Amino acid sequence: MPFPSREATLPAMNEFELIEHYFRGWRGSHPDLILGQGDDCLIWHPRRATVMSIDTAVEGRHFPAQSSGAQAAQRAFLPALSDLAAMGAEPAFFTLALTLPGPMDDAWLDAFARRLSELSEHYGLVLAGGDTTSGPCRVISLQMHGLVDAPLRRDGVQPDDDLWVSGFPGRAAAALPSVLNPAQASAPVDWVAAYWSPEPRIELGQRLVGLASAAIDVSDGLAADCGHLARASGLNLLIETSMLPQAPSFQGYPEDQVGSWILSGGDDYELAFTAAPGQRDAITALAAMLNLPLTRIGRAQAGDGQVLIGHNGEAHTLSKTGFQHF
């Protein structure tokens, strides 16, 4: 859903001054990074298999125009990092391509750079390079790089596997009216936090290597992203509505609305994964160790790569499965 437009305000700084002022001197290093910022290319010599993913966040499309610099940094960085979690990877480094409207908003950019630096340090990534330019609106592209010996993939689902999901999906979608119009709509604190500060399940992804047969992060909606697992593996995935985890803050809301938030809402960045039934005890123990709900919500079965929704003993497809980027 596009967000309202914003008027830009600001002073002038050229590209090289901007990079030097906001994005140099950050703490953090990585032994595989031979040459980082400051040359035509970075040089990376990995010890292990490297996985890479790139995400783009566009103002008015992926974050509201009224977002603070810190909020925009979170909305760009954390979803991008979630792709590494889905592969079971250890975060290593990232690159940043940043488009800014003129004149430049120094306060916004300072808050953006500070929050991005904090997040990169917290999750153990090095900013290894990138690009800056001007344009009609703010666009943030982040390429994430991680290391993993046996990456989790989408095409590994096996017949009769269990289907699981972490956390409480649906809260970010439920928060959207409040995000768009905070003066006109309110939302529980955990909904707003789920939208602005999603938590990439990095440790969960790493610990699922050897337990899970396939995994994906839930970015565009639980049903839609499970559909990617189903199509990649050539099997159907049946999601039972009676097994879906419901956040305590959903109590009192209409069942149909809650079901729509959980199944079709995006921006959760939880992990959906499959595993053999023999792994149930190990996954239950993992949930306790991480203090993170891991809920079995369905199973894989023979089929042609569809997601089916089981409700009151019947199975059907959803007409609306999740967020569309185009």
Protein backbone atom coordinates (compact mmCIF):
# COMPACT_ATOMS: atom_id res chain seq x y z
CA MET A 1 0.00 0.00 0.00
CA PRO A 2 1.62 3.33 -1.03
CA PHE A 3 2.20 5.88 1.72
CA PRO A 4 1.53 9.65 1.67
CA SER A 5 4.08 11.94 0.03
CA ARG A 6 6.52 14.20 1.88
CA GLU A 7 8.06 17.59 1.17
CA ALA A 8 11.87 17.49 1.28
CA THR A 9 13.83 20.23 3.07
CA LEU A 10 17.69 20.75 3.34
CA PRO A 11 21.47 21.85 2.95
CA ALA A 12 24.08 20.74 0.36
CA MET A 13 26.89 18.19 0.49
CA ASN A 14 28.52 16.29 -2.36
CA GLU A 15 28.57 12.50 -2.62
CA PHE A 16 32.08 12.00 -1.26
CA GLU A 17 31.57 14.40 1.64
CA LEU A 18 28.33 12.60 2.49
CA ILE A 19 29.99 9.17 2.56
CA GLU A 20 32.94 10.46 4.57
CA HIS A 21 30.73 12.24 7.09
CA TYR A 22 28.03 9.62 7.68
CA PHE A 23 29.34 6.20 6.69
CA ARG A 24 33.08 6.03 7.46
CA GLY A 25 34.73 5.05 10.70
CA TRP A 26 32.09 2.58 11.84
CA ARG A 27 33.21 -0.10 14.22
CA GLY A 28 33.41 -3.70 13.05
CA SER A 29 35.58 -5.81 10.79
CA HIS A 30 35.59 -9.26 9.21
CA PRO A 31 38.61 -11.47 8.46
CA ASP A 32 37.28 -12.32 4.97
CA LEU A 33 37.03 -8.64 3.95
CA ILE A 34 40.34 -7.77 2.28
CA LEU A 35 39.33 -4.30 0.99
CA GLY A 36 36.16 -2.44 1.88
CA GLN A 37 35.01 1.12 1.33
CA GLY A 38 37.08 3.53 -0.71
CA ASP A 39 37.92 1.70 -3.94
CA ASP A 40 36.04 0.75 -7.12
CA CYS A 41 35.20 -2.69 -5.73
CA LEU A 42 35.38 -4.41 -2.38
CA ILE A 43 37.51 -7.55 -2.14
CA TRP A 44 36.08 -10.54 -0.29
CA HIS A 45 37.89 -13.86 0.20
CA PRO A 46 35.43 -16.23 1.92
CA ARG A 47 36.36 -19.23 4.03
CA ARG A 48 32.89 -20.75 3.64
CA ALA A 49 30.04 -20.70 1.14
CA THR A 50 28.64 -17.18 0.78
CA VAL A 51 24.93 -16.43 0.41
CA MET A 52 23.80 -13.04 -0.90
CA SER A 53 20.47 -11.25 -0.99
CA ILE A 54 19.45 -7.72 -2.03
CA ASP A 55 16.40 -5.80 -0.85
CA THR A 56 15.16 -2.35 -1.87
CA ALA A 57 12.96 -0.14 0.31
CA VAL A 58 11.24 2.76 -1.46
CA GLU A 59 9.78 5.71 0.41
CA GLY A 60 6.02 5.71 0.06
CA ARG A 61 5.99 2.03 -0.85
CA HIS A 62 7.89 0.20 1.88
CA PHE A 63 8.08 2.87 4.57
CA PRO A 64 5.96 6.00 5.14
CA ALA A 65 7.25 9.35 3.92
CA GLN A 66 6.96 10.71 7.45
CA SER A 67 9.32 8.03 8.81
CA SER A 68 12.25 9.27 10.85
CA GLY A 69 15.73 8.40 9.66
CA ALA A 70 16.02 5.77 12.40
CA GLN A 71 12.67 4.20 11.47
CA ALA A 72 13.62 4.05 7.80
CA ALA A 73 16.94 2.39 8.70
CA GLN A 74 15.11 -0.31 10.65
CA ARG A 75 12.50 -0.87 7.95
CA ALA A 76 15.25 -1.36 5.36
CA PHE A 77 17.96 -3.19 7.30
CA LEU A 78 15.98 -5.70 9.38
CA PRO A 79 13.87 -7.16 6.54
CA ALA A 80 16.99 -7.44 4.36
CA LEU A 81 18.80 -9.29 7.13
CA SER A 82 15.88 -11.68 7.50
CA ASP A 83 16.81 -13.32 4.19
CA LEU A 84 20.08 -14.51 5.77
CA ALA A 85 18.09 -15.99 8.65
CA ALA A 86 15.95 -17.95 6.18
CA MET A 87 19.09 -19.59 4.76
CA GLY A 88 20.55 -20.37 8.19
CA ALA A 89 23.49 -18.07 7.50
CA GLU A 90 25.91 -16.22 9.75
CA PRO A 91 25.81 -12.47 8.91
CA ALA A 92 29.09 -11.16 7.47
CA PHE A 93 28.89 -7.84 5.57
CA PHE A 94 26.55 -5.63 3.61
CA THR A 95 26.61 -2.93 0.96
CA LEU A 96 24.36 0.11 0.78
CA ALA A 97 22.99 2.01 -2.22
CA LEU A 98 21.22 5.16 -1.06
CA THR A 99 19.12 7.58 -3.12
CA LEU A 100 18.21 10.89 -1.48
CA PRO A 101 16.05 13.81 -2.64
CA GLY A 102 17.45 17.31 -2.52
CA PRO A 103 18.03 19.48 -0.74
CA MET A 104 19.48 17.04 1.78
CA ASP A 105 17.93 16.64 5.23
CA ASP A 106 20.94 16.51 7.54
CA ALA A 107 18.96 15.55 10.65
CA TRP A 108 17.18 12.70 8.86
CA LEU A 109 20.40 11.37 7.35
CA ASP A 110 22.27 11.60 10.65
CA ALA A 111 19.55 9.57 12.40
CA PHE A 112 19.51 7.06 9.53
CA ALA A 113 23.28 6.54 9.60
CA ARG A 114 23.43 6.27 13.39
CA ARG A 115 20.68 3.64 13.53
CA LEU A 116 22.17 1.70 10.62
CA SER A 117 25.53 1.68 12.39
CA GLU A 118 23.92 0.44 15.62
CA LEU A 119 22.08 -2.35 13.83
CA SER A 120 25.12 -3.47 11.86
CA GLU A 121 27.18 -3.64 15.04
CA HIS A 122 24.44 -5.48 16.94
CA TYR A 123 24.07 -8.15 14.27
CA GLY A 124 27.77 -8.40 13.46
CA LEU A 125 27.86 -7.05 9.90
CA VAL A 126 30.44 -4.76 8.32
CA LEU A 127 29.45 -1.99 5.90
CA ALA A 128 31.84 -2.87 3.07
CA GLY A 129 30.85 -0.36 0.37
CA GLY A 130 28.03 1.01 -1.72
CA ASP A 131 26.84 4.04 -3.63
CA THR A 132 24.93 7.28 -3.09
CA THR A 133 22.98 9.41 -5.55
CA SER A 134 20.12 11.90 -5.73
CA GLY A 135 16.60 11.19 -6.90
CA PRO A 136 12.94 12.12 -6.47
CA CYS A 137 12.47 10.12 -3.25
CA ARG A 138 14.42 8.11 -0.72
CA VAL A 139 15.39 4.63 -1.89
CA ILE A 140 17.45 2.28 0.29
CA SER A 141 19.00 -0.83 -1.27
CA LEU A 142 20.90 -3.24 0.95
CA GLN A 143 22.80 -6.29 -0.23
CA MET A 144 23.37 -8.74 2.61
CA HIS A 145 26.12 -11.37 2.61
CA GLY A 146 26.34 -14.30 4.98
CA LEU A 147 28.28 -17.52 5.48
CA VAL A 148 26.81 -21.00 5.77
CA ASP A 149 28.03 -24.55 5.23
CA ALA A 150 24.65 -26.17 4.46
CA PRO A 151 22.14 -23.48 3.49
CA LEU A 152 18.44 -24.00 4.05
CA ARG A 153 16.56 -23.84 0.75
CA ARG A 154 12.97 -23.58 -0.42
CA ASP A 155 12.97 -26.77 -2.46
CA GLY A 156 13.66 -29.25 0.32
CA VAL A 157 10.12 -29.99 1.52
CA GLN A 158 9.43 -33.73 1.76
CA PRO A 159 6.07 -35.56 1.70
CA ASP A 160 4.46 -35.68 5.17
CA ASP A 161 6.80 -33.00 6.57
CA ASP A 162 5.36 -30.82 9.30
CA LEU A 163 4.95 -27.10 8.55
CA TRP A 164 6.03 -24.70 11.32
CA VAL A 165 6.15 -20.95 11.90
CA SER A 166 7.99 -18.88 14.48
CA GLY A 167 6.56 -16.13 16.65
CA PHE A 168 3.18 -14.46 16.15
CA PRO A 169 2.62 -13.48 12.50
CA GLY A 170 0.04 -10.85 11.60
CA ARG A 171 0.86 -8.06 14.03
CA ALA A 172 2.71 -5.84 11.55
CA ALA A 173 -0.25 -5.95 9.16
CA ALA A 174 -2.62 -5.23 12.03
CA ALA A 175 -0.55 -2.16 12.93
CA LEU A 176 -0.70 -0.61 9.44
CA PRO A 177 -3.73 1.69 9.97
CA SER A 178 -2.00 3.15 13.01
CA VAL A 179 1.28 3.51 11.12
CA LEU A 180 -0.43 5.37 8.27
CA ASN A 181 -2.63 7.57 10.46
CA PRO A 182 -1.30 7.59 14.04
CA ALA A 183 -3.60 10.47 14.99
CA GLN A 184 -6.70 8.59 13.87
CA ALA A 185 -5.92 4.98 14.78
CA SER A 186 -4.16 3.37 17.73
CA ALA A 187 -2.63 -0.08 18.06
CA PRO A 188 -1.16 -2.23 20.83
CA VAL A 189 2.51 -1.65 21.53
CA ASP A 190 3.55 -5.09 20.26
CA TRP A 191 1.82 -4.49 16.91
CA VAL A 192 3.66 -1.21 16.36
CA ALA A 193 6.97 -2.79 17.41
CA ALA A 194 6.38 -5.68 14.99
CA TYR A 195 6.05 -3.16 12.14
CA TRP A 196 8.90 -0.79 12.97
CA SER A 197 11.36 -3.23 14.60
CA PRO A 198 10.89 -6.76 13.23
CA GLU A 199 13.39 -9.21 14.69
CA PRO A 200 15.28 -11.27 12.09
CA ARG A 201 15.41 -14.86 13.37
CA ILE A 202 19.14 -15.23 12.82
CA GLU A 203 19.86 -17.69 15.63
CA LEU A 204 16.75 -19.75 14.86
CA GLY A 205 17.78 -20.07 11.21
CA GLN A 206 21.28 -21.22 12.12
CA ARG A 207 19.96 -23.80 14.57
CA LEU A 208 17.44 -25.14 12.05
CA VAL A 209 20.28 -26.30 9.80
CA GLY A 210 20.14 -30.09 10.16
CA LEU A 211 16.62 -30.00 11.62
CA ALA A 212 14.54 -28.31 8.92
CA SER A 213 14.13 -29.56 5.37
CA ALA A 214 13.23 -26.13 3.93
CA ALA A 215 12.69 -22.57 5.16
CA ILE A 216 11.62 -19.08 4.09
CA ASP A 217 11.13 -15.77 5.87
CA VAL A 218 7.57 -14.45 6.04
CA SER A 219 7.76 -11.08 4.30
CA ASP A 220 4.77 -10.96 1.96
CA GLY A 221 2.28 -12.99 4.00
CA LEU A 222 2.34 -16.47 5.57
CA ALA A 223 0.20 -18.15 2.89
CA ALA A 224 2.04 -16.42 0.03
CA ASP A 225 5.49 -17.33 1.32
CA CYS A 226 4.49 -20.91 2.12
CA GLY A 227 3.38 -20.97 -1.52
CA HIS A 228 7.01 -20.40 -2.53
CA LEU A 229 8.02 -23.47 -0.51
CA ALA A 230 5.21 -25.51 -2.07
CA ARG A 231 6.03 -24.54 -5.66
CA ALA A 232 9.78 -24.99 -5.25
CA SER A 233 9.25 -28.47 -3.82
CA GLY A 234 6.37 -29.60 -6.05
CA LEU A 235 4.16 -30.46 -3.08
CA ASN A 236 1.06 -28.98 -1.49
CA LEU A 237 1.21 -27.41 1.95
CA LEU A 238 -1.92 -27.57 4.08
CA ILE A 239 -2.25 -24.85 6.73
CA GLU A 240 -4.79 -25.62 9.44
CA THR A 241 -6.44 -22.44 10.74
CA SER A 242 -7.09 -24.09 14.11
CA MET A 243 -3.33 -24.49 14.62
CA LEU A 244 -2.28 -20.92 13.79
CA PRO A 245 -0.54 -19.08 16.65
CA GLN A 246 -2.43 -16.02 17.83
CA ALA A 247 -0.73 -13.17 19.65
CA PRO A 248 -2.37 -12.48 23.03
CA SER A 249 -3.06 -8.94 21.79
CA PHE A 250 -5.39 -10.39 19.10
CA GLN A 251 -7.84 -11.47 21.79
CA GLY A 252 -11.25 -9.89 21.28
CA TYR A 253 -10.82 -9.15 17.58
CA PRO A 254 -13.07 -10.85 14.99
CA GLU A 255 -11.87 -14.30 13.96
CA ASP A 256 -12.02 -13.50 10.24
CA GLN A 257 -9.95 -10.34 10.70
CA VAL A 258 -7.33 -12.12 12.79
CA GLY A 259 -7.13 -14.93 10.25
CA SER A 260 -6.59 -12.42 7.45
CA TRP A 261 -3.82 -10.66 9.38
CA ILE A 262 -2.02 -13.93 10.06
CA LEU A 263 -2.41 -15.57 6.65
CA SER A 264 -2.27 -12.59 4.29
CA GLY A 265 -0.56 -9.77 6.17
CA GLY A 266 3.06 -9.10 5.33
CA ASP A 267 6.12 -7.68 7.09
CA ASP A 268 6.33 -10.33 9.82
CA TYR A 269 9.86 -11.60 9.08
CA GLU A 270 9.21 -14.75 11.05
CA LEU A 271 10.46 -18.04 9.63
CA ALA A 272 8.19 -20.64 8.08
CA PHE A 273 9.89 -24.01 7.78
CA THR A 274 9.26 -27.70 7.25
CA ALA A 275 10.72 -30.66 9.09
CA ALA A 276 10.15 -34.38 9.37
CA PRO A 277 7.68 -35.48 12.09
CA GLY A 278 10.58 -37.17 13.86
CA GLN A 279 12.07 -33.72 14.60
CA ARG A 280 9.11 -32.50 16.69
CA ASP A 281 10.78 -33.05 20.07
CA ALA A 282 13.99 -31.35 18.91
CA ILE A 283 12.05 -28.34 17.60
CA THR A 284 10.04 -28.10 20.82
CA ALA A 285 13.29 -28.12 22.78
CA LEU A 286 14.72 -25.45 20.46
CA ALA A 287 11.68 -23.24 21.08
CA ALA A 288 12.24 -23.51 24.83
CA MET A 289 15.97 -22.78 24.50
CA LEU A 290 15.37 -19.67 22.36
CA ASN A 291 12.29 -18.60 24.36
CA LEU A 292 10.53 -18.27 21.02
CA PRO A 293 7.18 -19.83 20.07
CA LEU A 294 7.57 -22.39 17.28
CA THR A 295 4.14 -23.62 16.21
CA ARG A 296 3.28 -26.57 14.01
CA ILE A 297 0.60 -25.24 11.65
CA GLY A 298 0.16 -27.93 9.00
CA ARG A 299 1.83 -30.50 6.80
CA ALA A 300 3.11 -31.28 3.33
CA GLN A 301 1.23 -33.62 1.04
CA ALA A 302 1.23 -34.76 -2.56
CA GLY A 303 0.04 -32.11 -4.98
CA ASP A 304 1.03 -29.56 -7.58
CA GLY A 305 2.67 -26.86 -5.47
CA GLN A 306 -0.28 -25.09 -3.87
CA VAL A 307 -1.07 -23.80 -0.40
CA LEU A 308 -4.38 -25.06 0.95
CA ILE A 309 -6.16 -23.61 3.98
CA GLY A 310 -7.86 -26.18 6.20
CA HIS A 311 -10.91 -24.90 8.09
CA ASN A 312 -13.71 -26.93 9.70
CA GLY A 313 -12.62 -30.08 7.92
CA GLU A 314 -12.49 -28.52 4.45
CA ALA A 315 -9.52 -27.27 2.44
CA HIS A 316 -9.54 -24.31 0.04
CA THR A 317 -7.19 -21.82 -1.58
CA LEU A 318 -6.99 -18.13 -0.71
CA SER A 319 -7.93 -15.53 -3.32
CA LYS A 320 -5.69 -12.94 -1.59
CA THR A 321 -2.46 -14.42 -0.26
CA GLY A 322 -0.18 -11.49 0.51
CA PHE A 323 1.56 -8.25 -0.42
CA GLN A 324 2.23 -7.57 -4.10
CA HIS A 325 5.26 -5.44 -5.06
CA PHE A 326 3.78 -4.52 -8.46
